[in-house]
């Protein structure tokens, strides 16, 4: 009551639990790969994101830990881009470039498919890439993705639809549309 002399209790603000970060590692790595376009850059991005998050105690908003981590990953990605754009670019000769040893996998076809998908995601415009990384790779709900990316839920829905269409179009073999009557004769079946 207003004049009773009691002090209102302060509600506890949820804090990010550092021990739970390992549960988000794979999802953040996949999102980082989609943003960067390469495995190595994604590993560096996730490592830098975790270093920032663990540097001091963090509070988590209503979107949850994964949405918070996606926001931090995105901000770290932007910071890296800005930093890289300010640095002078150097060129290497072919003698200076060393070939990277490819990773061995038990499913080379699947690895090739995944690599093609991530390359297609990396080719998307930035807004589409962030939306698909948040929802399809990190597993955020549309609402959480909207909160993490600072936009409306309807915008996330539209960006996802368009991003998925572009990826499907890029990855599919372009076949001419089947017209009525031009397909196989069904009467012989």
Protein backbone atom coordinates (compact mmCIF):
# COMPACT_ATOMS: atom_id res chain seq x y z
CA UNK A 1 0.00 0.00 0.00
CA UNK A 2 1.24 3.47 -0.79
CA UNK A 3 1.82 4.87 2.68
CA UNK A 4 2.47 1.71 4.65
CA UNK A 5 6.25 2.13 4.77
CA UNK A 6 6.92 -1.16 3.02
CA UNK A 7 9.54 -1.31 0.32
CA UNK A 8 8.42 -3.03 -2.87
CA UNK A 9 10.36 -6.19 -3.55
CA UNK A 10 12.68 -6.00 -6.53
CA UNK A 11 12.08 -8.76 -9.06
CA UNK A 12 15.09 -10.76 -9.98
CA UNK A 13 16.51 -10.11 -13.45
CA UNK A 14 17.47 -13.39 -15.16
CA UNK A 15 21.21 -13.73 -15.65
CA UNK A 16 23.00 -15.65 -18.37
CA UNK A 17 24.29 -18.92 -16.95
CA UNK A 18 27.86 -19.45 -18.24
CA UNK A 19 27.58 -23.19 -17.68
CA UNK A 20 24.69 -23.44 -20.16
CA UNK A 21 26.61 -21.89 -23.08
CA UNK A 22 27.84 -25.28 -24.27
CA UNK A 23 24.28 -26.25 -25.13
CA UNK A 24 24.14 -23.41 -27.66
CA UNK A 25 27.55 -24.02 -29.24
CA UNK A 26 26.43 -26.05 -32.27
CA UNK A 27 23.56 -23.74 -33.12
CA UNK A 28 25.76 -20.65 -32.84
CA UNK A 29 28.45 -22.30 -34.94
CA UNK A 30 25.93 -23.06 -37.70
CA UNK A 31 24.61 -19.49 -37.53
CA UNK A 32 28.16 -18.16 -37.65
CA UNK A 33 28.92 -20.33 -40.66
CA UNK A 34 25.86 -18.97 -42.41
CA UNK A 35 26.93 -15.40 -41.67
CA UNK A 36 30.60 -15.79 -42.54
CA UNK A 37 30.47 -18.35 -45.31
CA UNK A 38 33.38 -20.42 -44.01
CA UNK A 39 33.94 -22.86 -41.18
CA UNK A 40 37.13 -21.27 -39.97
CA UNK A 41 35.66 -17.78 -39.78
CA UNK A 42 32.58 -19.19 -38.01
CA UNK A 43 34.76 -20.86 -35.38
CA UNK A 44 36.58 -17.57 -34.77
CA UNK A 45 33.30 -15.65 -34.61
CA UNK A 46 31.74 -18.01 -32.06
CA UNK A 47 34.90 -18.01 -29.97
CA UNK A 48 34.99 -14.21 -29.96
CA UNK A 49 31.27 -14.08 -29.12
CA UNK A 50 31.75 -16.40 -26.14
CA UNK A 51 34.76 -14.39 -24.98
CA UNK A 52 32.63 -11.23 -24.98
CA UNK A 53 29.73 -12.89 -23.19
CA UNK A 54 31.93 -14.47 -20.53
CA UNK A 55 33.91 -11.26 -19.89
CA UNK A 56 31.30 -9.99 -17.44
CA UNK A 57 27.92 -11.07 -16.00
CA UNK A 58 25.07 -10.60 -18.48
CA UNK A 59 21.33 -10.22 -18.05
CA UNK A 60 18.96 -12.03 -20.39
CA UNK A 61 15.86 -10.37 -21.79
CA UNK A 62 12.52 -12.02 -22.40
CA UNK A 63 13.75 -13.64 -25.64
CA UNK A 64 15.89 -16.13 -23.72
CA UNK A 65 19.53 -17.14 -23.81
CA UNK A 66 19.61 -18.25 -27.45
CA UNK A 67 18.09 -14.99 -28.70
CA UNK A 68 20.58 -13.04 -26.58
CA UNK A 69 23.48 -15.08 -27.94
CA UNK A 70 22.25 -14.59 -31.53
CA UNK A 71 22.16 -10.83 -30.95
CA UNK A 72 25.67 -10.92 -29.54
CA UNK A 73 26.88 -13.10 -32.43
CA UNK A 74 25.37 -10.68 -34.95
CA UNK A 75 26.90 -7.65 -33.20
CA UNK A 76 30.29 -9.35 -33.03
CA UNK A 77 30.03 -10.17 -36.74
CA UNK A 78 29.31 -6.52 -37.54
CA UNK A 79 32.17 -5.35 -35.34
CA UNK A 80 34.55 -7.69 -37.17
CA UNK A 81 33.35 -6.40 -40.55
CA UNK A 82 33.86 -2.79 -39.49
CA UNK A 83 37.32 -3.58 -38.13
CA UNK A 84 38.29 -5.46 -41.29
CA UNK A 85 37.09 -2.63 -43.52
CA UNK A 86 39.44 -0.19 -41.76
CA UNK A 87 42.53 -2.35 -42.20
CA UNK A 88 44.73 -2.04 -45.27
CA UNK A 89 44.46 -4.99 -47.61
CA UNK A 90 47.50 -6.97 -48.60
CA UNK A 91 47.83 -9.38 -51.47
CA UNK A 92 49.69 -12.65 -51.47
CA UNK A 93 51.54 -14.41 -54.21
CA UNK A 94 50.81 -18.03 -55.02
CA UNK A 95 54.11 -19.04 -53.42
CA UNK A 96 52.99 -17.59 -50.08
CA UNK A 97 49.61 -19.34 -50.02
CA UNK A 98 49.54 -22.75 -48.37
CA UNK A 99 46.86 -25.27 -49.21
CA UNK A 100 44.61 -26.12 -46.29
CA UNK A 101 44.24 -29.80 -45.62
CA UNK A 102 40.58 -30.78 -46.10
CA UNK A 103 38.73 -32.30 -43.18
CA UNK A 104 38.04 -35.97 -43.37
CA UNK A 105 34.41 -36.98 -42.99
CA UNK A 106 32.60 -40.28 -43.07
CA UNK A 107 29.84 -38.84 -45.27
CA UNK A 108 31.44 -36.83 -48.07
CA UNK A 109 28.16 -36.41 -50.00
CA UNK A 110 26.42 -34.94 -46.97
CA UNK A 111 29.38 -32.66 -46.27
CA UNK A 112 29.25 -31.40 -49.86
CA UNK A 113 25.50 -30.76 -49.57
CA UNK A 114 25.90 -28.90 -46.28
CA UNK A 115 28.73 -26.87 -47.74
CA UNK A 116 26.58 -25.94 -50.76
CA UNK A 117 23.69 -24.94 -48.50
CA UNK A 118 25.88 -22.75 -46.30
CA UNK A 119 27.45 -21.19 -49.40
CA UNK A 120 23.95 -20.42 -50.72
CA UNK A 121 23.02 -18.86 -47.36
CA UNK A 122 26.21 -16.80 -47.36
CA UNK A 123 25.28 -15.42 -50.82
CA UNK A 124 21.94 -14.09 -49.55
CA UNK A 125 21.42 -10.40 -48.78
CA UNK A 126 22.26 -9.61 -45.17
CA UNK A 127 18.68 -9.28 -43.87
CA UNK A 128 17.69 -12.63 -45.37
CA UNK A 129 20.88 -14.28 -44.12
CA UNK A 130 20.31 -13.08 -40.56
CA UNK A 131 16.68 -14.21 -40.55
CA UNK A 132 17.46 -17.69 -41.84
CA UNK A 133 20.39 -18.03 -39.43
CA UNK A 134 18.21 -17.05 -36.49
CA UNK A 135 15.22 -19.28 -37.24
CA UNK A 136 16.44 -22.23 -39.32
CA UNK A 137 19.92 -22.60 -37.90
CA UNK A 138 19.65 -21.37 -34.32
CA UNK A 139 16.09 -22.60 -33.88
CA UNK A 140 14.65 -19.36 -32.54
CA UNK A 141 10.92 -18.78 -32.81
CA UNK A 142 9.79 -16.03 -35.14
CA UNK A 143 9.13 -13.79 -32.14
CA UNK A 144 12.54 -14.45 -30.61
CA UNK A 145 14.22 -13.82 -33.96
CA UNK A 146 12.31 -10.57 -34.35
CA UNK A 147 13.47 -9.46 -30.90
CA UNK A 148 17.08 -10.50 -31.54
CA UNK A 149 17.20 -8.77 -34.93
CA UNK A 150 15.26 -5.69 -33.87
CA UNK A 151 12.38 -6.05 -36.32
CA UNK A 152 8.75 -7.17 -36.46
CA UNK A 153 7.68 -10.79 -36.53
CA UNK A 154 5.90 -10.31 -39.88
CA UNK A 155 9.15 -9.02 -41.36
CA UNK A 156 10.95 -12.16 -40.19
CA UNK A 157 8.26 -14.30 -41.84
CA UNK A 158 8.63 -12.47 -45.15
CA UNK A 159 12.43 -12.56 -45.08
CA UNK A 160 12.44 -16.27 -44.30
CA UNK A 161 10.05 -17.05 -47.15
CA UNK A 162 12.12 -15.07 -49.64
CA UNK A 163 15.43 -16.46 -48.36
CA UNK A 164 14.19 -20.04 -48.58
CA UNK A 165 12.89 -19.42 -52.09
CA UNK A 166 16.25 -18.04 -53.21
CA UNK A 167 18.15 -20.94 -51.69
CA UNK A 168 15.81 -23.51 -53.23
CA UNK A 169 16.08 -21.79 -56.59
CA UNK A 170 19.87 -21.66 -56.37
CA UNK A 171 20.26 -25.30 -55.32
CA UNK A 172 17.69 -26.90 -57.61
CA UNK A 173 18.30 -27.97 -61.15
CA UNK A 174 16.15 -25.67 -63.20
CA UNK A 175 13.58 -27.85 -64.94
CA UNK A 176 10.99 -26.53 -67.37
CA UNK A 177 7.51 -26.44 -65.85
CA UNK A 178 5.29 -29.40 -66.73
CA UNK A 179 2.31 -28.25 -68.75
CA UNK A 180 -1.04 -29.94 -68.68
CA UNK A 181 -1.13 -32.63 -71.34
CA UNK A 182 2.63 -32.60 -71.92
CA UNK A 183 3.47 -35.02 -69.12
CA UNK A 184 3.53 -38.82 -69.28
CA UNK A 185 0.40 -40.50 -70.59
CA UNK A 186 -1.52 -41.66 -67.51
CA UNK A 187 -4.01 -43.76 -69.49
CA UNK A 188 -1.41 -46.47 -70.09
CA UNK A 189 -0.74 -47.04 -66.41
